[in-house]
Amino acid sequence: MKLFIGLDLGVNKAAICVLDDNGGTVLQTIVPSEPAQVIAKLSKLSGEIALIGFEARPLSEWMYGALRDAGYPVFCIETRHTQRFLSTRPNKTDRNDAHGIATMMRVGHFKPVHVKSRESQMVRSLLIGRRQFMSAMLQIENTIRGLLRTQGQKLGRVHRYKFSERVFELCGREPMLLPAIEPLLAARDEMRVQVRKLDNALERASRADLAASPS
């Protein structure tokens, strides 16, 4: 007996529906949204697991990687296409959505989406972190520029490496600004340290990718 499985992944819970070849319900249950919990439930099924599917959501890449590594035939499926299908079904609940996804897998009415490798996911995480730091640093720098302008001190164009030095120089003309600006500079400079760490991690990831690429 072939089994077709739909998962409705929430932040805390995952609804699981298992259908047989004929569309009969073999199992419907809810477990914590943890790969180990889902795999533990799947491992108890009697029959050949033909397909597992779930929508592309924040937890999908994590769940996909764990199920794939465990040897399951898993697909991450396109969200809008899935939602159009599920919208035709009555009584929208997590359990019913899981049943709808299982039905899609059974009849082949789904659109798989590409799931990035864990290495690619890690690089993306590093880039997101770096972008967040750079945005925060720019906000702090603009705040410092604004504070200096209130006292007639214009920072002008200055290289990032010389930014703190130039700010302290201007604060020497208006010492009353220092208590407000010094903590901002300290936060900015610490962010620069963390950005360098992220850059180093990205460089290591790039070298590892080059080493793994076929020559």
N, C-alpha and C. Protein backbone atom coordinates (compact mmCIF):
# COMPACT_ATOMS: atom_id res chain seq x y z
N MET A 1 0.84 -1.20 0.00
CA MET A 1 0.00 0.00 0.00
C MET A 1 0.88 1.25 0.00
N LYS A 2 0.64 2.12 -0.97
CA LYS A 2 1.38 3.36 -1.04
C LYS A 2 0.69 4.42 -0.20
N LEU A 3 1.51 5.25 0.43
CA LEU A 3 0.98 6.28 1.31
C LEU A 3 1.37 7.66 0.80
N PHE A 4 0.44 8.59 0.92
CA PHE A 4 0.66 9.96 0.49
C PHE A 4 0.39 10.87 1.68
N ILE A 5 1.37 11.71 1.99
CA ILE A 5 1.34 12.44 3.27
C ILE A 5 1.36 13.93 3.03
N GLY A 6 0.47 14.63 3.72
CA GLY A 6 0.46 16.08 3.71
C GLY A 6 0.75 16.61 5.09
N LEU A 7 1.59 17.63 5.16
CA LEU A 7 1.91 18.29 6.42
C LEU A 7 1.46 19.74 6.34
N ASP A 8 0.81 20.21 7.37
CA ASP A 8 0.51 21.64 7.51
C ASP A 8 1.38 22.14 8.66
N LEU A 9 2.45 22.85 8.29
CA LEU A 9 3.46 23.25 9.27
C LEU A 9 3.13 24.60 9.89
N GLY A 10 2.91 24.61 11.18
CA GLY A 10 2.78 25.85 11.93
C GLY A 10 4.05 26.10 12.72
N VAL A 11 4.11 27.23 13.38
CA VAL A 11 5.30 27.57 14.17
C VAL A 11 5.50 26.57 15.30
N ASN A 12 4.42 26.15 15.93
CA ASN A 12 4.53 25.26 17.09
C ASN A 12 4.03 23.85 16.82
N LYS A 13 3.08 23.70 15.91
CA LYS A 13 2.49 22.39 15.68
C LYS A 13 2.43 22.07 14.20
N ALA A 14 2.47 20.77 13.90
CA ALA A 14 2.36 20.29 12.52
C ALA A 14 1.22 19.29 12.45
N ALA A 15 0.28 19.56 11.55
CA ALA A 15 -0.81 18.61 11.31
C ALA A 15 -0.34 17.63 10.24
N ILE A 16 -0.56 16.35 10.49
CA ILE A 16 -0.15 15.30 9.57
C ILE A 16 -1.38 14.55 9.09
N CYS A 17 -1.47 14.35 7.78
CA CYS A 17 -2.53 13.51 7.22
C CYS A 17 -1.88 12.49 6.29
N VAL A 18 -2.26 11.23 6.44
CA VAL A 18 -1.75 10.13 5.62
C VAL A 18 -2.92 9.50 4.88
N LEU A 19 -2.82 9.45 3.55
CA LEU A 19 -3.84 8.82 2.72
C LEU A 19 -3.26 7.61 2.01
N ASP A 20 -4.13 6.62 1.73
CA ASP A 20 -3.68 5.47 0.95
C ASP A 20 -3.94 5.71 -0.53
N ASP A 21 -3.68 4.69 -1.35
CA ASP A 21 -3.83 4.82 -2.80
C ASP A 21 -5.21 5.29 -3.21
N ASN A 22 -6.21 4.85 -2.49
CA ASN A 22 -7.60 5.13 -2.85
C ASN A 22 -8.14 6.41 -2.21
N GLY A 23 -7.32 7.10 -1.46
CA GLY A 23 -7.75 8.33 -0.81
C GLY A 23 -8.31 8.12 0.58
N GLY A 24 -8.24 6.89 1.06
CA GLY A 24 -8.69 6.62 2.42
C GLY A 24 -7.73 7.18 3.45
N THR A 25 -8.28 7.66 4.55
CA THR A 25 -7.44 8.25 5.59
C THR A 25 -6.84 7.17 6.46
N VAL A 26 -5.51 7.11 6.48
CA VAL A 26 -4.78 6.15 7.32
C VAL A 26 -4.48 6.76 8.68
N LEU A 27 -4.17 8.06 8.69
CA LEU A 27 -3.80 8.72 9.94
C LEU A 27 -4.03 10.21 9.83
N GLN A 28 -4.56 10.79 10.87
CA GLN A 28 -4.61 12.24 11.03
C GLN A 28 -4.23 12.56 12.46
N THR A 29 -3.20 13.39 12.60
CA THR A 29 -2.74 13.71 13.95
C THR A 29 -2.02 15.05 13.93
N ILE A 30 -1.71 15.55 15.11
CA ILE A 30 -0.96 16.79 15.27
C ILE A 30 0.21 16.52 16.21
N VAL A 31 1.38 16.97 15.81
CA VAL A 31 2.59 16.79 16.61
C VAL A 31 3.32 18.13 16.67
N PRO A 32 4.28 18.28 17.59
CA PRO A 32 5.11 19.49 17.58
C PRO A 32 5.85 19.65 16.26
N SER A 33 6.06 20.89 15.84
CA SER A 33 6.75 21.15 14.56
C SER A 33 8.25 20.95 14.71
N GLU A 34 8.62 19.74 14.99
CA GLU A 34 10.02 19.35 15.12
C GLU A 34 10.26 18.15 14.21
N PRO A 35 11.33 18.16 13.42
CA PRO A 35 11.58 17.02 12.53
C PRO A 35 11.58 15.68 13.25
N ALA A 36 12.18 15.63 14.44
CA ALA A 36 12.25 14.36 15.17
C ALA A 36 10.86 13.84 15.49
N GLN A 37 9.95 14.74 15.84
CA GLN A 37 8.58 14.33 16.18
C GLN A 37 7.85 13.82 14.94
N VAL A 38 8.03 14.52 13.83
CA VAL A 38 7.37 14.09 12.59
C VAL A 38 7.94 12.75 12.12
N ILE A 39 9.25 12.61 12.14
CA ILE A 39 9.88 11.37 11.70
C ILE A 39 9.46 10.20 12.59
N ALA A 40 9.36 10.45 13.88
CA ALA A 40 8.94 9.39 14.80
C ALA A 40 7.55 8.89 14.43
N LYS A 41 6.66 9.80 14.04
CA LYS A 41 5.30 9.40 13.66
C LYS A 41 5.31 8.66 12.32
N LEU A 42 6.10 9.15 11.37
CA LEU A 42 6.16 8.51 10.06
C LEU A 42 6.76 7.12 10.13
N SER A 43 7.72 6.92 11.01
CA SER A 43 8.42 5.64 11.10
C SER A 43 7.51 4.51 11.57
N LYS A 44 6.37 4.85 12.14
CA LYS A 44 5.45 3.84 12.64
C LYS A 44 4.41 3.41 11.60
N LEU A 45 4.44 4.03 10.43
CA LEU A 45 3.45 3.72 9.41
C LEU A 45 3.76 2.39 8.73
N SER A 46 2.73 1.67 8.41
CA SER A 46 2.88 0.41 7.66
C SER A 46 2.51 0.69 6.21
N GLY A 47 3.44 0.54 5.33
CA GLY A 47 3.21 0.82 3.92
C GLY A 47 4.34 1.63 3.34
N GLU A 48 4.35 1.74 2.02
CA GLU A 48 5.40 2.47 1.32
C GLU A 48 5.02 3.94 1.23
N ILE A 49 5.86 4.80 1.78
CA ILE A 49 5.61 6.24 1.69
C ILE A 49 6.02 6.69 0.31
N ALA A 50 5.02 7.07 -0.49
CA ALA A 50 5.28 7.45 -1.87
C ALA A 50 5.70 8.90 -1.99
N LEU A 51 4.97 9.80 -1.32
CA LEU A 51 5.25 11.23 -1.41
C LEU A 51 4.87 11.91 -0.10
N ILE A 52 5.66 12.90 0.27
CA ILE A 52 5.36 13.79 1.39
C ILE A 52 5.42 15.21 0.87
N GLY A 53 4.45 16.02 1.22
CA GLY A 53 4.45 17.40 0.75
C GLY A 53 4.03 18.39 1.81
N PHE A 54 4.56 19.59 1.71
CA PHE A 54 4.12 20.70 2.56
C PHE A 54 4.47 22.01 1.86
N GLU A 55 3.76 23.07 2.27
CA GLU A 55 3.95 24.36 1.64
C GLU A 55 5.30 24.99 1.99
N ALA A 56 5.74 25.88 1.11
CA ALA A 56 6.95 26.66 1.36
C ALA A 56 6.65 27.71 2.42
N ARG A 57 7.17 27.50 3.62
CA ARG A 57 6.96 28.40 4.75
C ARG A 57 8.28 28.55 5.51
N PRO A 58 8.31 29.40 6.56
CA PRO A 58 9.58 29.61 7.27
C PRO A 58 10.24 28.34 7.78
N LEU A 59 9.47 27.34 8.23
CA LEU A 59 10.06 26.12 8.76
C LEU A 59 10.31 25.07 7.69
N SER A 60 9.90 25.35 6.45
CA SER A 60 9.91 24.32 5.42
C SER A 60 11.31 23.82 5.08
N GLU A 61 12.26 24.75 4.95
CA GLU A 61 13.61 24.33 4.56
C GLU A 61 14.21 23.42 5.62
N TRP A 62 13.99 23.76 6.88
CA TRP A 62 14.49 22.95 7.99
C TRP A 62 13.87 21.56 7.97
N MET A 63 12.55 21.51 7.83
CA MET A 63 11.84 20.23 7.82
C MET A 63 12.22 19.42 6.58
N TYR A 64 12.32 20.09 5.45
CA TYR A 64 12.68 19.42 4.20
C TYR A 64 14.04 18.73 4.33
N GLY A 65 15.02 19.47 4.84
CA GLY A 65 16.36 18.90 4.96
C GLY A 65 16.40 17.69 5.86
N ALA A 66 15.66 17.76 6.99
CA ALA A 66 15.66 16.64 7.94
C ALA A 66 14.98 15.41 7.34
N LEU A 67 13.85 15.61 6.68
CA LEU A 67 13.14 14.47 6.08
C LEU A 67 13.93 13.88 4.91
N ARG A 68 14.54 14.75 4.12
CA ARG A 68 15.35 14.26 3.01
C ARG A 68 16.53 13.44 3.52
N ASP A 69 17.20 13.97 4.55
CA ASP A 69 18.34 13.24 5.11
C ASP A 69 17.92 11.91 5.71
N ALA A 70 16.67 11.83 6.16
CA ALA A 70 16.16 10.57 6.73
C ALA A 70 15.71 9.61 5.64
N GLY A 71 15.79 10.03 4.38
CA GLY A 71 15.49 9.13 3.28
C GLY A 71 14.06 9.16 2.76
N TYR A 72 13.30 10.16 3.15
CA TYR A 72 11.90 10.23 2.73
C TYR A 72 11.76 11.00 1.41
N PRO A 73 10.79 10.58 0.57
CA PRO A 73 10.53 11.28 -0.70
C PRO A 73 9.70 12.55 -0.45
N VAL A 74 10.35 13.63 -0.19
CA VAL A 74 9.68 14.84 0.29
C VAL A 74 9.75 15.94 -0.76
N PHE A 75 8.67 16.72 -0.83
CA PHE A 75 8.61 17.88 -1.72
C PHE A 75 8.10 19.09 -0.95
N CYS A 76 8.72 20.22 -1.23
CA CYS A 76 8.19 21.51 -0.77
C CYS A 76 7.41 22.06 -1.94
N ILE A 77 6.15 22.45 -1.71
CA ILE A 77 5.27 22.78 -2.83
C ILE A 77 4.89 24.26 -2.81
N GLU A 78 4.59 24.78 -3.99
CA GLU A 78 4.33 26.21 -4.18
C GLU A 78 3.10 26.66 -3.41
N THR A 79 3.24 27.75 -2.66
CA THR A 79 2.21 28.17 -1.71
C THR A 79 0.94 28.68 -2.40
N ARG A 80 1.08 29.56 -3.39
CA ARG A 80 -0.12 30.13 -3.99
C ARG A 80 -0.96 29.07 -4.70
N HIS A 81 -0.28 28.17 -5.39
CA HIS A 81 -1.01 27.08 -6.05
C HIS A 81 -1.72 26.21 -5.02
N THR A 82 -1.05 25.94 -3.92
CA THR A 82 -1.65 25.12 -2.86
C THR A 82 -2.84 25.83 -2.23
N GLN A 83 -2.69 27.12 -1.97
CA GLN A 83 -3.78 27.86 -1.33
C GLN A 83 -5.01 27.94 -2.23
N ARG A 84 -4.79 28.03 -3.54
CA ARG A 84 -5.95 28.04 -4.45
C ARG A 84 -6.71 26.72 -4.35
N PHE A 85 -5.97 25.63 -4.27
CA PHE A 85 -6.63 24.32 -4.15
C PHE A 85 -7.34 24.19 -2.81
N LEU A 86 -6.67 24.61 -1.74
CA LEU A 86 -7.25 24.46 -0.40
C LEU A 86 -8.45 25.38 -0.21
N SER A 87 -8.48 26.51 -0.93
CA SER A 87 -9.60 27.45 -0.76
C SER A 87 -10.91 26.89 -1.26
N THR A 88 -10.85 25.84 -2.08
CA THR A 88 -12.08 25.23 -2.59
C THR A 88 -12.67 24.23 -1.62
N ARG A 89 -11.96 23.96 -0.54
CA ARG A 89 -12.41 22.96 0.41
C ARG A 89 -13.08 23.64 1.61
N PRO A 90 -14.13 23.02 2.17
CA PRO A 90 -14.84 23.64 3.29
C PRO A 90 -14.07 23.48 4.60
N ASN A 91 -14.46 24.25 5.59
CA ASN A 91 -13.95 24.09 6.96
C ASN A 91 -12.43 24.12 7.02
N LYS A 92 -11.88 25.30 6.78
CA LYS A 92 -10.42 25.43 6.78
C LYS A 92 -9.87 25.29 8.19
N THR A 93 -9.15 24.20 8.43
CA THR A 93 -8.45 23.96 9.68
C THR A 93 -7.08 23.38 9.34
N ASP A 94 -6.22 23.30 10.31
CA ASP A 94 -4.90 22.72 10.07
C ASP A 94 -5.03 21.27 9.61
N ARG A 95 -5.90 20.51 10.25
CA ARG A 95 -6.10 19.11 9.87
C ARG A 95 -6.63 18.98 8.43
N ASN A 96 -7.61 19.83 8.10
CA ASN A 96 -8.17 19.77 6.75
C ASN A 96 -7.16 20.23 5.70
N ASP A 97 -6.33 21.21 6.05
CA ASP A 97 -5.28 21.64 5.11
C ASP A 97 -4.28 20.51 4.88
N ALA A 98 -3.91 19.80 5.94
CA ALA A 98 -3.01 18.66 5.79
C ALA A 98 -3.64 17.59 4.90
N HIS A 99 -4.95 17.37 5.08
CA HIS A 99 -5.68 16.40 4.24
C HIS A 99 -5.68 16.87 2.79
N GLY A 100 -5.91 18.18 2.57
CA GLY A 100 -5.89 18.70 1.21
C GLY A 100 -4.54 18.54 0.54
N ILE A 101 -3.47 18.80 1.29
CA ILE A 101 -2.12 18.66 0.74
C ILE A 101 -1.83 17.19 0.43
N ALA A 102 -2.25 16.28 1.31
CA ALA A 102 -2.07 14.85 1.06
C ALA A 102 -2.81 14.44 -0.22
N THR A 103 -4.00 15.01 -0.41
CA THR A 103 -4.76 14.73 -1.63
C THR A 103 -4.01 15.22 -2.86
N MET A 104 -3.44 16.41 -2.78
CA MET A 104 -2.65 16.94 -3.88
C MET A 104 -1.49 16.03 -4.23
N MET A 105 -0.83 15.51 -3.21
CA MET A 105 0.30 14.61 -3.45
C MET A 105 -0.19 13.31 -4.09
N ARG A 106 -1.35 12.82 -3.66
CA ARG A 106 -1.88 11.54 -4.17
C ARG A 106 -2.26 11.64 -5.64
N VAL A 107 -2.87 12.77 -6.04
CA VAL A 107 -3.32 12.90 -7.43
C VAL A 107 -2.28 13.60 -8.31
N GLY A 108 -1.17 14.02 -7.72
CA GLY A 108 -0.11 14.68 -8.49
C GLY A 108 -0.41 16.11 -8.86
N HIS A 109 -1.31 16.74 -8.12
CA HIS A 109 -1.71 18.12 -8.41
C HIS A 109 -0.94 19.09 -7.51
N PHE A 110 0.36 19.16 -7.73
CA PHE A 110 1.19 20.07 -6.93
C PHE A 110 2.35 20.58 -7.77
N LYS A 111 2.89 21.72 -7.34
CA LYS A 111 4.03 22.34 -8.01
C LYS A 111 5.21 22.39 -7.05
N PRO A 112 6.20 21.55 -7.27
CA PRO A 112 7.36 21.58 -6.36
C PRO A 112 8.17 22.86 -6.54
N VAL A 113 8.78 23.31 -5.45
CA VAL A 113 9.67 24.45 -5.51
C VAL A 113 11.07 24.01 -5.10
N HIS A 114 12.06 24.72 -5.62
CA HIS A 114 13.44 24.38 -5.29
C HIS A 114 13.75 24.77 -3.85
N VAL A 115 14.37 23.86 -3.13
CA VAL A 115 14.80 24.14 -1.76
C VAL A 115 16.32 24.24 -1.76
N LYS A 116 16.83 25.35 -1.27
CA LYS A 116 18.27 25.55 -1.27
C LYS A 116 18.97 24.59 -0.33
N SER A 117 20.22 24.29 -0.65
CA SER A 117 21.01 23.43 0.21
C SER A 117 21.25 24.11 1.55
N ARG A 118 21.65 23.32 2.53
CA ARG A 118 21.92 23.90 3.85
C ARG A 118 23.07 24.90 3.79
N GLU A 119 24.02 24.63 2.90
CA GLU A 119 25.13 25.55 2.75
C GLU A 119 24.64 26.90 2.21
N SER A 120 23.74 26.84 1.22
CA SER A 120 23.18 28.06 0.67
C SER A 120 22.34 28.81 1.70
N GLN A 121 21.61 28.04 2.50
CA GLN A 121 20.80 28.65 3.55
C GLN A 121 21.69 29.37 4.56
N MET A 122 22.84 28.75 4.88
CA MET A 122 23.75 29.37 5.84
C MET A 122 24.33 30.67 5.28
N VAL A 123 24.71 30.66 4.00
CA VAL A 123 25.23 31.87 3.37
C VAL A 123 24.17 32.96 3.39
N ARG A 124 22.94 32.59 3.08
CA ARG A 124 21.86 33.57 3.11
C ARG A 124 21.68 34.15 4.52
N SER A 125 21.79 33.31 5.53
CA SER A 125 21.67 33.79 6.91
C SER A 125 22.78 34.77 7.25
N LEU A 126 23.99 34.46 6.80
CA LEU A 126 25.11 35.37 7.04
C LEU A 126 24.90 36.70 6.34
N LEU A 127 24.39 36.66 5.12
CA LEU A 127 24.14 37.89 4.38
C LEU A 127 23.04 38.73 5.03
N ILE A 128 22.01 38.06 5.52
CA ILE A 128 20.94 38.79 6.21
C ILE A 128 21.47 39.47 7.45
N GLY A 129 22.29 38.73 8.23
CA GLY A 129 22.88 39.33 9.42
C GLY A 129 23.76 40.51 9.09
N ARG A 130 24.57 40.37 8.03
CA ARG A 130 25.45 41.47 7.64
C ARG A 130 24.65 42.69 7.20
N ARG A 131 23.60 42.44 6.41
CA ARG A 131 22.77 43.54 5.94
C ARG A 131 22.11 44.27 7.10
N GLN A 132 21.70 43.52 8.12
CA GLN A 132 21.07 44.14 9.29
C GLN A 132 22.07 45.03 10.03
N PHE A 133 23.28 44.55 10.21
CA PHE A 133 24.31 45.34 10.87
C PHE A 133 24.62 46.62 10.07
N MET A 134 24.76 46.47 8.74
CA MET A 134 25.09 47.63 7.92
C MET A 134 23.99 48.68 7.99
N SER A 135 22.74 48.23 8.00
CA SER A 135 21.62 49.16 8.10
C SER A 135 21.64 49.88 9.45
N ALA A 136 21.89 49.12 10.52
CA ALA A 136 21.93 49.73 11.85
C ALA A 136 23.09 50.71 11.98
N MET A 137 24.25 50.35 11.41
CA MET A 137 25.40 51.25 11.44
C MET A 137 25.10 52.57 10.72
N LEU A 138 24.43 52.47 9.57
CA LEU A 138 24.10 53.67 8.82
C LEU A 138 23.14 54.56 9.61
N GLN A 139 22.19 53.94 10.30
CA GLN A 139 21.27 54.72 11.12
C GLN A 139 22.00 55.45 12.24
N ILE A 140 22.94 54.76 12.88
CA ILE A 140 23.70 55.39 13.96
C ILE A 140 24.56 56.53 13.41
N GLU A 141 25.20 56.30 12.27
CA GLU A 141 26.04 57.34 11.69
C GLU A 141 25.21 58.58 11.35
N ASN A 142 24.01 58.37 10.80
CA ASN A 142 23.15 59.52 10.47
C ASN A 142 22.68 60.24 11.73
N THR A 143 22.43 59.47 12.79
CA THR A 143 22.05 60.09 14.06
C THR A 143 23.18 60.96 14.60
N ILE A 144 24.39 60.43 14.53
CA ILE A 144 25.56 61.20 15.01
C ILE A 144 25.73 62.47 14.17
N ARG A 145 25.60 62.35 12.86
CA ARG A 145 25.70 63.52 11.99
C ARG A 145 24.66 64.58 12.39
N GLY A 146 23.43 64.10 12.69
CA GLY A 146 22.38 65.03 13.09
C GLY A 146 22.69 65.73 14.40
N LEU A 147 23.21 64.98 15.36
CA LEU A 147 23.55 65.57 16.65
C LEU A 147 24.65 66.62 16.50
N LEU A 148 25.62 66.32 15.66
CA LEU A 148 26.70 67.29 15.44
C LEU A 148 26.18 68.55 14.77
N ARG A 149 25.26 68.38 13.82
CA ARG A 149 24.74 69.56 13.11
C ARG A 149 23.97 70.50 14.03
N THR A 150 23.34 69.93 15.07
CA THR A 150 22.59 70.81 15.99
C THR A 150 23.50 71.83 16.66
N GLN A 151 24.79 71.51 16.71
CA GLN A 151 25.75 72.45 17.31
C GLN A 151 26.68 73.06 16.26
N GLY A 152 26.23 73.01 15.01
CA GLY A 152 26.99 73.66 13.95
C GLY A 152 28.21 72.90 13.49
N GLN A 153 28.34 71.64 13.88
CA GLN A 153 29.51 70.84 13.50
C GLN A 153 29.13 69.93 12.32
N LYS A 154 29.79 70.13 11.19
CA LYS A 154 29.48 69.36 9.99
C LYS A 154 30.54 68.29 9.77
N LEU A 155 30.08 67.05 9.74
CA LEU A 155 31.03 65.94 9.60
C LEU A 155 31.56 65.84 8.18
N GLY A 156 30.72 66.11 7.19
CA GLY A 156 31.15 66.03 5.80
C GLY A 156 31.42 64.60 5.37
N ARG A 157 32.04 64.47 4.21
CA ARG A 157 32.36 63.13 3.69
C ARG A 157 33.61 62.61 4.41
N VAL A 158 33.49 61.40 4.93
CA VAL A 158 34.62 60.80 5.65
C VAL A 158 34.56 59.29 5.48
N HIS A 159 35.71 58.68 5.30
CA HIS A 159 35.77 57.23 5.14
C HIS A 159 35.34 56.56 6.44
N ARG A 160 34.69 55.41 6.31
CA ARG A 160 34.20 54.71 7.50
C ARG A 160 35.31 54.42 8.50
N TYR A 161 36.51 54.16 8.00
CA TYR A 161 37.61 53.85 8.90
C TYR A 161 38.05 55.08 9.71
N LYS A 162 37.74 56.25 9.20
CA LYS A 162 38.12 57.49 9.88
C LYS A 162 36.94 58.15 10.59
N PHE A 163 35.78 57.48 10.56
CA PHE A 163 34.56 58.10 11.06
C PHE A 163 34.68 58.45 12.55
N SER A 164 35.06 57.48 13.38
CA SER A 164 35.12 57.73 14.82
C SER A 164 36.15 58.80 15.16
N GLU A 165 37.29 58.72 14.48
CA GLU A 165 38.34 59.70 14.74
C GLU A 165 37.86 61.11 14.44
N ARG A 166 37.16 61.27 13.33
CA ARG A 166 36.66 62.59 12.94
C ARG A 166 35.57 63.07 13.90
N VAL A 167 34.69 62.15 14.34
CA VAL A 167 33.63 62.54 15.27
C VAL A 167 34.22 63.02 16.58
N PHE A 168 35.21 62.30 17.10
CA PHE A 168 35.84 62.72 18.36
C PHE A 168 36.53 64.08 18.20
N GLU A 169 37.08 64.31 17.03
CA GLU A 169 37.72 65.60 16.78
C GLU A 169 36.70 66.72 16.87
N LEU A 170 35.53 66.52 16.28
CA LEU A 170 34.48 67.55 16.32
C LEU A 170 33.89 67.69 17.71
N CYS A 171 33.80 66.57 18.43
CA CYS A 171 33.27 66.63 19.80
C CYS A 171 34.21 67.42 20.71
N GLY A 172 35.48 67.48 20.33
CA GLY A 172 36.42 68.27 21.10
C GLY A 172 36.06 69.75 21.08
N ARG A 173 35.36 70.17 20.01
CA ARG A 173 34.93 71.56 19.92
C ARG A 173 33.64 71.78 20.70
N GLU A 174 32.85 70.70 20.87
CA GLU A 174 31.58 70.79 21.60
C GLU A 174 31.52 69.62 22.60
N PRO A 175 32.26 69.71 23.72
CA PRO A 175 32.34 68.59 24.66
C PRO A 175 30.99 68.14 25.22
N MET A 176 30.00 69.04 25.23
CA MET A 176 28.71 68.67 25.79
C MET A 176 28.02 67.58 24.96
N LEU A 177 28.46 67.41 23.71
CA LEU A 177 27.86 66.38 22.85
C LEU A 177 28.39 64.98 23.17
N LEU A 178 29.54 64.91 23.79
CA LEU A 178 30.22 63.63 23.96
C LEU A 178 29.38 62.59 24.72
N PRO A 179 28.70 62.94 25.83
CA PRO A 179 27.91 61.91 26.54
C PRO A 179 26.83 61.27 25.67
N ALA A 180 26.31 62.03 24.70
CA ALA A 180 25.28 61.48 23.82
C ALA A 180 25.90 60.67 22.67
N ILE A 181 27.03 61.15 22.18
CA ILE A 181 27.61 60.54 20.97
C ILE A 181 28.52 59.36 21.28
N GLU A 182 29.23 59.40 22.40
CA GLU A 182 30.19 58.34 22.69
C GLU A 182 29.55 56.94 22.74
N PRO A 183 28.40 56.75 23.40
CA PRO A 183 27.78 55.42 23.39
C PRO A 183 27.37 54.97 21.99
N LEU A 184 26.93 55.93 21.17
CA LEU A 184 26.55 55.58 19.80
C LEU A 184 27.77 55.12 19.00
N LEU A 185 28.88 55.81 19.19
CA LEU A 185 30.11 55.41 18.51
C LEU A 185 30.58 54.03 18.96
N ALA A 186 30.47 53.78 20.27
CA ALA A 186 30.89 52.48 20.80
C ALA A 186 30.05 51.36 20.19
N ALA A 187 28.72 51.61 20.07
CA ALA A 187 27.85 50.60 19.46
C ALA A 187 28.20 50.40 17.99
N ARG A 188 28.44 51.50 17.28
CA ARG A 188 28.80 51.40 15.87
C ARG A 188 30.10 50.64 15.68
N ASP A 189 31.10 50.95 16.50
CA ASP A 189 32.40 50.29 16.35
C ASP A 189 32.30 48.80 16.67
N GLU A 190 31.47 48.43 17.64
CA GLU A 190 31.28 47.02 17.94
C GLU A 190 30.58 46.32 16.77
N MET A 191 29.66 47.02 16.14
CA MET A 191 28.99 46.45 14.96
C MET A 191 30.00 46.19 13.85
N ARG A 192 30.96 47.09 13.69
CA ARG A 192 32.00 46.89 12.67
C ARG A 192 32.80 45.62 12.96
N VAL A 193 33.06 45.36 14.23
CA VAL A 193 33.76 44.13 14.61
C VAL A 193 32.95 42.91 14.20
N GLN A 194 31.65 42.96 14.46
CA GLN A 194 30.78 41.83 14.14
C GLN A 194 30.64 41.65 12.62
N VAL A 195 30.63 42.77 11.89
CA VAL A 195 30.57 42.68 10.43
C VAL A 195 31.81 41.98 9.89
N ARG A 196 32.96 42.29 10.46
CA ARG A 196 34.19 41.62 10.03
C ARG A 196 34.11 40.12 10.28
N LYS A 197 33.49 39.73 11.41
CA LYS A 197 33.32 38.30 11.69
C LYS A 197 32.43 37.64 10.64
N LEU A 198 31.35 38.34 10.27
CA LEU A 198 30.46 37.81 9.24
C LEU A 198 31.17 37.73 7.90
N ASP A 199 31.98 38.73 7.59
CA ASP A 199 32.74 38.71 6.34
C ASP A 199 33.70 37.53 6.31
N ASN A 200 34.34 37.25 7.44
CA ASN A 200 35.25 36.10 7.51
C ASN A 200 34.49 34.80 7.30
N ALA A 201 33.29 34.71 7.90
CA ALA A 201 32.48 33.50 7.74
C ALA A 201 32.04 33.33 6.29
N LEU A 202 31.68 34.44 5.64
CA LEU A 202 31.31 34.38 4.22
C LEU A 202 32.49 33.97 3.35
N GLU A 203 33.66 34.46 3.69
CA GLU A 203 34.85 34.08 2.93
C GLU A 203 35.15 32.59 3.08
N ARG A 204 35.01 32.07 4.30
CA ARG A 204 35.22 30.63 4.52
C ARG A 204 34.20 29.81 3.74
N ALA A 205 32.94 30.28 3.74
CA ALA A 205 31.91 29.56 3.01
C ALA A 205 32.19 29.57 1.52
N SER A 206 32.70 30.69 1.02
CA SER A 206 33.03 30.79 -0.40
C SER A 206 34.17 29.84 -0.76
N ARG A 207 35.19 29.78 0.09
CA ARG A 207 36.31 28.88 -0.16
C ARG A 207 35.84 27.43 -0.15
N ALA A 208 34.97 27.09 0.81
CA ALA A 208 34.47 25.72 0.91
C ALA A 208 33.66 25.36 -0.33
N ASP A 209 32.89 26.33 -0.84
CA ASP A 209 32.08 26.08 -2.04
C ASP A 209 32.98 25.86 -3.25
N LEU A 210 34.05 26.65 -3.36
CA LEU A 210 34.98 26.48 -4.47
C LEU A 210 35.68 25.13 -4.39
N ALA A 211 36.04 24.72 -3.18
CA ALA A 211 36.71 23.44 -3.01
C ALA A 211 35.80 22.28 -3.36
N ALA A 212 34.49 22.45 -3.10
CA ALA A 212 33.54 21.37 -3.36
C ALA A 212 33.10 21.32 -4.82
N SER A 213 33.33 22.41 -5.57
CA SER A 213 32.89 22.47 -6.96
C SER A 213 33.79 21.59 -7.82
N PRO A 214 33.18 20.89 -8.79
CA PRO A 214 34.00 20.05 -9.68
C PRO A 214 34.92 20.91 -10.52
N SER A 215 36.14 20.47 -10.71
CA SER A 215 37.12 21.24 -11.48
C SER A 215 36.89 21.07 -12.97
